[in-house]
């Protein structure tokens, strides 16, 4: 039998609502009470964080950056991760950076963490670096200017 390019009608199985509900319940499993759900949640809490997770690889990706699991690092997140580029540069230079210091990717590729592609910069200069060439509205420029003035006055202790 040759196909002519037209699809043949398929027969649909008609199900009543009770049958659909039974199938739905079979797929979802036994309904759980709110109390039961809370007990399950408490029992699982923390069991699968970090290296306890069976899918744990020691690293994760967020916003294009690679984060590595270092729960004892001074500036690790509440889940124990720090940006890999920051850790690599700290290991290379031999000291922990201050929060006001950033590590810049020279070629703008966020997961290229080779030493020759990384440089340590002040947070303010890093922001300027990324804003260079971007056209902002006059209002946005005024807001940014005022924000930076407040920041630097606070840093100097003028406020």
N, C-alpha and C. Protein backbone atom coordinates (compact mmCIF):
# COMPACT_ATOMS: atom_id res chain seq x y z
N UNK A 1 0.84 -1.17 0.00
CA UNK A 1 0.00 0.00 0.00
C UNK A 1 0.89 1.24 0.00
N UNK A 2 0.75 2.10 -0.99
CA UNK A 2 1.57 3.30 -1.13
C UNK A 2 0.95 4.45 -0.35
N UNK A 3 1.83 5.28 0.24
CA UNK A 3 1.35 6.46 0.96
C UNK A 3 1.21 7.62 -0.02
N UNK A 4 0.15 8.34 0.10
CA UNK A 4 -0.10 9.46 -0.82
C UNK A 4 0.27 10.80 -0.22
N UNK A 5 0.86 10.83 0.96
CA UNK A 5 1.22 12.09 1.61
C UNK A 5 0.16 12.57 2.57
N UNK A 6 -1.02 11.98 2.53
CA UNK A 6 -2.07 12.38 3.46
C UNK A 6 -2.05 11.42 4.65
N UNK A 7 -2.23 11.98 5.84
CA UNK A 7 -2.22 11.12 7.02
C UNK A 7 -3.57 10.45 7.17
N UNK A 8 -3.53 9.19 7.56
CA UNK A 8 -4.78 8.47 7.75
C UNK A 8 -5.30 8.76 9.16
N UNK A 9 -6.59 8.80 9.33
CA UNK A 9 -7.19 9.09 10.63
C UNK A 9 -6.86 7.96 11.60
N UNK A 10 -6.48 8.34 12.82
CA UNK A 10 -6.21 7.33 13.84
C UNK A 10 -7.44 7.19 14.70
N UNK A 11 -7.64 6.00 15.20
CA UNK A 11 -8.81 5.79 16.05
C UNK A 11 -8.49 6.27 17.46
N UNK A 12 -9.35 7.08 18.01
CA UNK A 12 -9.16 7.60 19.36
C UNK A 12 -9.90 6.73 20.34
N UNK A 13 -9.28 6.51 21.51
CA UNK A 13 -9.92 5.73 22.56
C UNK A 13 -10.66 6.71 23.45
N UNK A 14 -11.93 6.51 23.61
CA UNK A 14 -12.75 7.38 24.46
C UNK A 14 -12.70 6.85 25.89
N UNK A 15 -12.36 7.73 26.86
CA UNK A 15 -12.32 7.34 28.25
C UNK A 15 -13.25 8.24 29.05
N UNK A 16 -13.93 7.65 30.00
CA UNK A 16 -14.75 8.49 30.86
C UNK A 16 -13.87 9.09 31.95
N UNK A 17 -14.40 10.07 32.68
CA UNK A 17 -13.63 10.79 33.69
C UNK A 17 -13.13 9.89 34.81
N UNK A 18 -13.92 8.91 35.20
CA UNK A 18 -13.51 8.00 36.28
C UNK A 18 -12.28 7.21 35.87
N UNK A 19 -12.25 6.75 34.63
CA UNK A 19 -11.09 5.99 34.13
C UNK A 19 -9.84 6.88 34.08
N UNK A 20 -10.01 8.12 33.60
CA UNK A 20 -8.90 9.07 33.54
C UNK A 20 -8.36 9.33 34.95
N UNK A 21 -9.25 9.48 35.92
CA UNK A 21 -8.86 9.73 37.30
C UNK A 21 -8.07 8.55 37.87
N UNK A 22 -8.50 7.33 37.56
CA UNK A 22 -7.79 6.13 38.02
C UNK A 22 -6.38 6.07 37.45
N UNK A 23 -6.24 6.38 36.17
CA UNK A 23 -4.91 6.39 35.54
C UNK A 23 -4.05 7.47 36.17
N UNK A 24 -4.62 8.64 36.39
CA UNK A 24 -3.89 9.75 37.00
C UNK A 24 -3.39 9.37 38.39
N UNK A 25 -4.24 8.77 39.20
CA UNK A 25 -3.87 8.35 40.55
C UNK A 25 -2.78 7.28 40.51
N UNK A 26 -2.85 6.37 39.55
CA UNK A 26 -1.84 5.32 39.43
C UNK A 26 -0.47 5.92 39.11
N UNK A 27 -0.46 6.97 38.28
CA UNK A 27 0.81 7.60 37.92
C UNK A 27 1.36 8.46 39.05
N UNK A 28 0.50 9.11 39.82
CA UNK A 28 0.92 10.01 40.91
C UNK A 28 1.28 9.25 42.18
N UNK A 29 0.69 8.11 42.39
CA UNK A 29 0.90 7.37 43.63
C UNK A 29 -0.12 7.74 44.68
N UNK A 30 0.03 7.14 45.84
CA UNK A 30 -0.92 7.37 46.92
C UNK A 30 -0.84 8.82 47.40
N UNK A 31 -1.99 9.50 47.59
CA UNK A 31 -1.96 10.88 48.06
C UNK A 31 -1.36 10.97 49.46
N UNK A 32 -0.60 12.06 49.70
CA UNK A 32 0.06 12.24 50.99
C UNK A 32 -0.56 13.44 51.72
N UNK A 33 -0.67 13.31 53.02
CA UNK A 33 -1.19 14.42 53.81
C UNK A 33 -0.09 15.47 53.97
N UNK A 34 -0.47 16.67 54.38
CA UNK A 34 0.50 17.75 54.58
C UNK A 34 1.53 17.35 55.64
N UNK A 35 1.07 16.71 56.71
CA UNK A 35 1.96 16.26 57.78
C UNK A 35 2.98 15.25 57.25
N UNK A 36 2.50 14.32 56.42
CA UNK A 36 3.38 13.30 55.85
C UNK A 36 4.45 13.95 54.95
N UNK A 37 4.02 14.93 54.14
CA UNK A 37 4.97 15.64 53.26
C UNK A 37 6.04 16.36 54.08
N UNK A 38 5.64 16.98 55.21
CA UNK A 38 6.61 17.68 56.07
C UNK A 38 7.61 16.71 56.67
N UNK A 39 7.15 15.53 57.10
CA UNK A 39 8.05 14.52 57.66
C UNK A 39 9.06 14.04 56.62
N UNK A 40 8.60 13.83 55.40
CA UNK A 40 9.50 13.41 54.31
C UNK A 40 10.55 14.50 54.06
N UNK A 41 10.09 15.75 54.02
CA UNK A 41 10.98 16.88 53.76
C UNK A 41 12.07 16.98 54.84
N UNK A 42 11.66 16.85 56.11
CA UNK A 42 12.63 16.92 57.22
C UNK A 42 13.63 15.77 57.15
N UNK A 43 13.16 14.60 56.78
CA UNK A 43 14.04 13.43 56.71
C UNK A 43 15.08 13.56 55.61
N UNK A 44 14.72 14.23 54.51
CA UNK A 44 15.64 14.36 53.37
C UNK A 44 16.52 15.59 53.45
N UNK A 45 16.14 16.57 54.28
CA UNK A 45 16.84 17.84 54.33
C UNK A 45 18.33 17.65 54.61
N UNK A 46 19.17 18.14 53.72
CA UNK A 46 20.61 18.09 53.90
C UNK A 46 21.26 16.78 53.49
N UNK A 47 20.47 15.72 53.28
CA UNK A 47 21.06 14.43 52.94
C UNK A 47 21.73 14.42 51.58
N UNK A 48 21.24 15.24 50.65
CA UNK A 48 21.74 15.18 49.29
C UNK A 48 22.47 16.45 48.87
N UNK A 49 22.99 17.21 49.85
CA UNK A 49 23.74 18.42 49.53
C UNK A 49 25.20 18.07 49.26
N UNK A 50 25.80 18.82 48.33
CA UNK A 50 27.22 18.67 48.05
C UNK A 50 27.61 17.26 47.68
N UNK A 51 28.66 16.76 48.33
CA UNK A 51 29.21 15.45 47.97
C UNK A 51 28.29 14.30 48.34
N UNK A 52 27.23 14.53 49.11
CA UNK A 52 26.27 13.47 49.43
C UNK A 52 25.30 13.20 48.27
N UNK A 53 25.25 14.11 47.32
CA UNK A 53 24.35 13.95 46.19
C UNK A 53 24.95 12.92 45.22
N UNK A 54 24.17 11.94 44.79
CA UNK A 54 24.72 10.93 43.87
C UNK A 54 25.16 11.51 42.53
N UNK A 55 24.66 12.68 42.15
CA UNK A 55 25.07 13.31 40.89
C UNK A 55 26.21 14.31 41.09
N UNK A 56 26.79 14.38 42.27
CA UNK A 56 27.81 15.38 42.59
C UNK A 56 29.07 15.17 41.75
N UNK A 57 29.51 16.25 41.10
CA UNK A 57 30.73 16.20 40.28
C UNK A 57 31.80 17.15 40.84
N UNK A 58 31.45 17.92 41.89
CA UNK A 58 32.40 18.85 42.47
C UNK A 58 32.34 20.23 41.84
N UNK A 59 31.51 20.39 40.85
CA UNK A 59 31.39 21.70 40.18
C UNK A 59 29.99 21.86 39.62
N UNK A 60 29.62 23.12 39.40
CA UNK A 60 28.32 23.43 38.83
C UNK A 60 28.47 24.68 37.97
N UNK A 61 27.51 24.93 37.12
CA UNK A 61 27.54 26.09 36.24
C UNK A 61 26.39 27.03 36.59
N UNK A 62 26.69 28.32 36.70
CA UNK A 62 25.66 29.33 36.93
C UNK A 62 26.03 30.58 36.16
N UNK A 63 25.12 31.03 35.32
CA UNK A 63 25.35 32.27 34.57
C UNK A 63 26.56 32.20 33.66
N UNK A 64 26.93 31.00 33.23
CA UNK A 64 28.09 30.84 32.34
C UNK A 64 29.39 30.60 33.09
N UNK A 65 29.41 30.84 34.41
CA UNK A 65 30.61 30.65 35.22
C UNK A 65 30.62 29.25 35.82
N UNK A 66 31.83 28.75 36.09
CA UNK A 66 31.99 27.46 36.75
C UNK A 66 32.18 27.72 38.24
N UNK A 67 31.41 27.01 39.07
CA UNK A 67 31.56 27.11 40.52
C UNK A 67 32.02 25.76 41.05
N UNK A 68 32.96 25.78 42.00
CA UNK A 68 33.47 24.54 42.56
C UNK A 68 33.09 24.46 44.04
N UNK A 69 33.00 23.25 44.54
CA UNK A 69 32.56 23.01 45.91
C UNK A 69 33.75 23.14 46.86
N UNK A 70 33.77 24.21 47.63
CA UNK A 70 34.80 24.47 48.64
C UNK A 70 34.10 25.03 49.88
N UNK A 71 33.42 24.18 50.66
CA UNK A 71 32.60 24.66 51.78
C UNK A 71 33.39 25.38 52.87
N UNK A 72 34.69 25.14 52.98
CA UNK A 72 35.49 25.77 54.04
C UNK A 72 36.17 27.06 53.59
N UNK A 73 35.94 27.47 52.35
CA UNK A 73 36.54 28.70 51.85
C UNK A 73 35.89 29.90 52.54
N UNK A 74 36.67 30.93 52.79
CA UNK A 74 36.20 32.11 53.51
C UNK A 74 35.00 32.77 52.84
N UNK A 75 34.96 32.78 51.50
CA UNK A 75 33.87 33.46 50.78
C UNK A 75 32.97 32.49 50.01
N UNK A 76 32.83 31.26 50.50
CA UNK A 76 31.94 30.32 49.82
C UNK A 76 30.49 30.71 50.08
N UNK A 77 29.62 30.31 49.15
CA UNK A 77 28.19 30.61 49.29
C UNK A 77 27.60 29.76 50.41
N UNK A 78 26.33 29.99 50.71
CA UNK A 78 25.68 29.19 51.75
C UNK A 78 25.59 27.72 51.37
N UNK A 79 25.75 27.39 50.09
CA UNK A 79 25.75 25.98 49.64
C UNK A 79 27.17 25.44 49.51
N UNK A 80 28.19 26.30 49.77
CA UNK A 80 29.58 25.84 49.77
C UNK A 80 30.33 26.00 48.47
N UNK A 81 29.82 26.80 47.53
CA UNK A 81 30.47 26.95 46.23
C UNK A 81 31.14 28.32 46.09
N UNK A 82 32.25 28.34 45.34
CA UNK A 82 32.92 29.59 44.99
C UNK A 82 33.21 29.57 43.49
N UNK A 83 33.36 30.75 42.87
CA UNK A 83 33.70 30.77 41.44
C UNK A 83 35.08 30.16 41.21
N UNK A 84 35.16 29.28 40.25
CA UNK A 84 36.42 28.58 39.98
C UNK A 84 37.53 29.55 39.58
N UNK A 85 37.21 30.58 38.79
CA UNK A 85 38.25 31.51 38.35
C UNK A 85 38.86 32.25 39.54
N UNK A 86 38.06 32.55 40.53
CA UNK A 86 38.56 33.22 41.73
C UNK A 86 39.49 32.28 42.52
N UNK A 87 39.07 31.03 42.67
CA UNK A 87 39.87 30.05 43.40
C UNK A 87 41.21 29.79 42.68
N UNK A 88 41.16 29.66 41.36
CA UNK A 88 42.39 29.40 40.59
C UNK A 88 43.39 30.55 40.79
N UNK A 89 42.90 31.78 40.71
CA UNK A 89 43.77 32.94 40.85
C UNK A 89 44.32 33.05 42.28
N UNK A 90 43.49 32.74 43.27
CA UNK A 90 43.96 32.77 44.67
C UNK A 90 45.06 31.73 44.88
N UNK A 91 44.89 30.54 44.32
CA UNK A 91 45.91 29.49 44.45
C UNK A 91 47.20 29.90 43.75
N UNK A 92 47.07 30.54 42.59
CA UNK A 92 48.23 30.97 41.83
C UNK A 92 49.02 32.06 42.56
N UNK A 93 48.31 33.04 43.14
CA UNK A 93 48.97 34.16 43.82
C UNK A 93 49.29 33.86 45.28
N UNK A 94 48.58 32.89 45.87
CA UNK A 94 48.91 32.46 47.22
C UNK A 94 48.21 33.21 48.34
N UNK A 95 47.16 33.94 48.06
CA UNK A 95 46.40 34.61 49.13
C UNK A 95 44.94 34.73 48.74
N UNK A 96 44.08 34.94 49.75
CA UNK A 96 42.64 35.08 49.54
C UNK A 96 42.32 36.53 49.25
N UNK A 97 41.52 36.78 48.23
CA UNK A 97 41.16 38.14 47.85
C UNK A 97 40.15 38.74 48.80
N UNK A 98 40.11 40.05 48.82
CA UNK A 98 39.08 40.78 49.56
C UNK A 98 37.79 40.77 48.74
N UNK A 99 36.63 40.98 49.38
CA UNK A 99 35.38 41.01 48.63
C UNK A 99 35.33 42.12 47.58
N UNK A 100 36.12 43.20 47.75
CA UNK A 100 36.10 44.30 46.78
C UNK A 100 37.01 44.03 45.58
N UNK A 101 37.65 42.87 45.53
CA UNK A 101 38.50 42.52 44.40
C UNK A 101 37.78 41.48 43.53
N UNK A 102 37.87 41.69 42.23
CA UNK A 102 37.24 40.76 41.28
C UNK A 102 38.32 40.13 40.41
N UNK A 103 37.97 38.99 39.83
CA UNK A 103 38.84 38.35 38.84
C UNK A 103 38.15 38.52 37.49
N UNK A 104 38.84 39.18 36.56
CA UNK A 104 38.28 39.49 35.25
C UNK A 104 38.78 38.50 34.21
N UNK A 105 37.86 38.02 33.35
CA UNK A 105 38.23 37.17 32.21
C UNK A 105 38.60 38.12 31.06
N UNK A 106 39.84 38.14 30.66
CA UNK A 106 40.34 39.08 29.65
C UNK A 106 39.61 38.90 28.32
N UNK A 107 39.40 37.64 27.89
CA UNK A 107 38.75 37.42 26.60
C UNK A 107 37.22 37.35 26.69
N UNK A 108 36.66 37.64 27.86
CA UNK A 108 35.21 37.67 28.11
C UNK A 108 34.52 36.31 28.00
N UNK A 109 35.27 35.24 27.94
CA UNK A 109 34.68 33.90 27.94
C UNK A 109 34.64 33.43 29.39
N UNK A 110 33.43 33.31 29.93
CA UNK A 110 33.25 33.10 31.36
C UNK A 110 33.78 31.79 31.90
N UNK A 111 33.88 30.77 31.06
CA UNK A 111 34.39 29.49 31.57
C UNK A 111 35.82 29.19 31.10
N UNK A 112 36.51 30.20 30.58
CA UNK A 112 37.92 30.07 30.20
C UNK A 112 38.77 30.51 31.39
N UNK A 113 39.12 29.55 32.25
CA UNK A 113 39.78 29.87 33.51
C UNK A 113 41.29 29.61 33.49
N UNK A 114 41.91 29.80 32.33
CA UNK A 114 43.36 29.69 32.26
C UNK A 114 43.99 30.90 32.94
N UNK A 115 45.12 30.71 33.62
CA UNK A 115 45.79 31.81 34.34
C UNK A 115 46.06 32.99 33.42
N UNK A 116 46.50 32.73 32.19
CA UNK A 116 46.83 33.83 31.26
C UNK A 116 45.59 34.61 30.83
N UNK A 117 44.39 34.10 31.11
CA UNK A 117 43.15 34.80 30.75
C UNK A 117 42.52 35.52 31.94
N UNK A 118 43.15 35.44 33.11
CA UNK A 118 42.57 36.03 34.31
C UNK A 118 43.43 37.18 34.82
N UNK A 119 42.75 38.21 35.35
CA UNK A 119 43.47 39.31 36.00
C UNK A 119 42.65 39.79 37.19
N UNK A 120 43.37 40.21 38.24
CA UNK A 120 42.71 40.72 39.44
C UNK A 120 42.51 42.22 39.27
N UNK A 121 41.26 42.67 39.49
CA UNK A 121 40.95 44.10 39.37
C UNK A 121 40.06 44.53 40.53
N UNK A 122 40.10 45.82 40.82
CA UNK A 122 39.21 46.42 41.81
C UNK A 122 37.79 46.32 41.28
N UNK A 123 36.83 46.12 42.16
CA UNK A 123 35.43 45.96 41.74
C UNK A 123 34.95 47.16 40.91
N UNK A 124 35.32 48.35 41.32
CA UNK A 124 34.91 49.57 40.61
C UNK A 124 35.46 49.58 39.17
N UNK A 125 36.74 49.28 39.03
CA UNK A 125 37.36 49.26 37.69
C UNK A 125 36.77 48.14 36.84
N UNK A 126 36.42 47.03 37.48
CA UNK A 126 35.83 45.91 36.75
C UNK A 126 34.47 46.32 36.18
N UNK A 127 33.68 47.04 36.96
CA UNK A 127 32.37 47.50 36.48
C UNK A 127 32.55 48.47 35.32
N UNK A 128 33.50 49.38 35.43
CA UNK A 128 33.77 50.34 34.35
C UNK A 128 34.22 49.60 33.10
N UNK A 129 35.07 48.59 33.30
CA UNK A 129 35.57 47.76 32.20
C UNK A 129 34.42 47.17 31.38
N UNK A 130 33.40 46.68 32.08
CA UNK A 130 32.28 46.04 31.40
C UNK A 130 31.28 47.04 30.84
N UNK A 131 31.29 48.26 31.34
CA UNK A 131 30.36 49.26 30.84
C UNK A 131 30.93 50.05 29.66
N UNK A 132 32.23 49.96 29.43
CA UNK A 132 32.86 50.70 28.35
C UNK A 132 32.24 50.31 27.01
N UNK A 133 31.82 51.30 26.26
CA UNK A 133 31.26 51.06 24.94
C UNK A 133 29.76 50.84 24.95
N UNK A 134 29.15 50.70 26.12
CA UNK A 134 27.71 50.51 26.19
C UNK A 134 27.06 51.88 26.33
N UNK A 135 26.04 52.13 25.53
CA UNK A 135 25.34 53.40 25.60
C UNK A 135 24.22 53.30 26.62
N UNK A 136 24.28 54.17 27.62
CA UNK A 136 23.27 54.20 28.66
C UNK A 136 22.53 55.53 28.58
N UNK A 137 21.30 55.54 29.04
CA UNK A 137 20.52 56.77 29.03
C UNK A 137 21.12 57.77 30.02
N UNK A 138 20.81 59.04 29.84
CA UNK A 138 21.33 60.08 30.72
C UNK A 138 20.89 59.83 32.17
N UNK A 139 19.63 59.39 32.33
CA UNK A 139 19.11 59.10 33.67
C UNK A 139 19.90 57.97 34.34
N UNK A 140 20.20 56.92 33.56
CA UNK A 140 20.95 55.79 34.11
C UNK A 140 22.36 56.22 34.50
N UNK A 141 22.99 57.06 33.66
CA UNK A 141 24.33 57.55 33.97
C UNK A 141 24.33 58.37 35.26
N UNK A 142 23.30 59.20 35.46
CA UNK A 142 23.21 60.02 36.67
C UNK A 142 23.03 59.10 37.89
N UNK A 143 22.16 58.09 37.77
CA UNK A 143 21.95 57.15 38.88
C UNK A 143 23.25 56.44 39.23
N UNK A 144 23.96 55.97 38.20
CA UNK A 144 25.22 55.25 38.44
C UNK A 144 26.25 56.17 39.08
N UNK A 145 26.31 57.40 38.60
CA UNK A 145 27.26 58.37 39.13
C UNK A 145 26.97 58.64 40.61
N UNK A 146 25.70 58.88 40.93
CA UNK A 146 25.32 59.14 42.33
C UNK A 146 25.60 57.92 43.21
N UNK A 147 25.31 56.75 42.67
CA UNK A 147 25.54 55.52 43.42
C UNK A 147 27.03 55.35 43.71
N UNK A 148 27.87 55.60 42.71
CA UNK A 148 29.32 55.46 42.91
C UNK A 148 29.85 56.51 43.88
N UNK A 149 29.30 57.74 43.83
CA UNK A 149 29.73 58.78 44.77
C UNK A 149 29.42 58.36 46.20
N UNK A 150 28.21 57.82 46.42
CA UNK A 150 27.83 57.34 47.76
C UNK A 150 28.77 56.23 48.21
N UNK A 151 29.04 55.29 47.29
CA UNK A 151 29.92 54.16 47.60
C UNK A 151 31.30 54.64 48.02
N UNK A 152 31.90 55.52 47.24
CA UNK A 152 33.26 55.97 47.54
C UNK A 152 33.30 56.85 48.78
N UNK A 153 32.24 57.65 49.02
CA UNK A 153 32.20 58.44 50.25
C UNK A 153 32.10 57.53 51.47
N UNK A 154 31.34 56.45 51.33
CA UNK A 154 31.22 55.49 52.42
C UNK A 154 32.57 54.82 52.68
N UNK A 155 33.28 54.48 51.58
CA UNK A 155 34.60 53.83 51.71
C UNK A 155 35.61 54.77 52.39
N UNK A 156 35.48 56.08 52.11
CA UNK A 156 36.39 57.07 52.70
C UNK A 156 35.98 57.44 54.12
N UNK A 157 34.74 57.09 54.49
CA UNK A 157 34.24 57.41 55.82
C UNK A 157 33.63 58.79 55.90
N UNK A 158 33.25 59.36 54.76
CA UNK A 158 32.70 60.72 54.69
C UNK A 158 31.24 60.75 55.14
N UNK A 159 30.51 59.68 54.87
CA UNK A 159 29.05 59.64 55.11
C UNK A 159 28.72 59.94 56.50
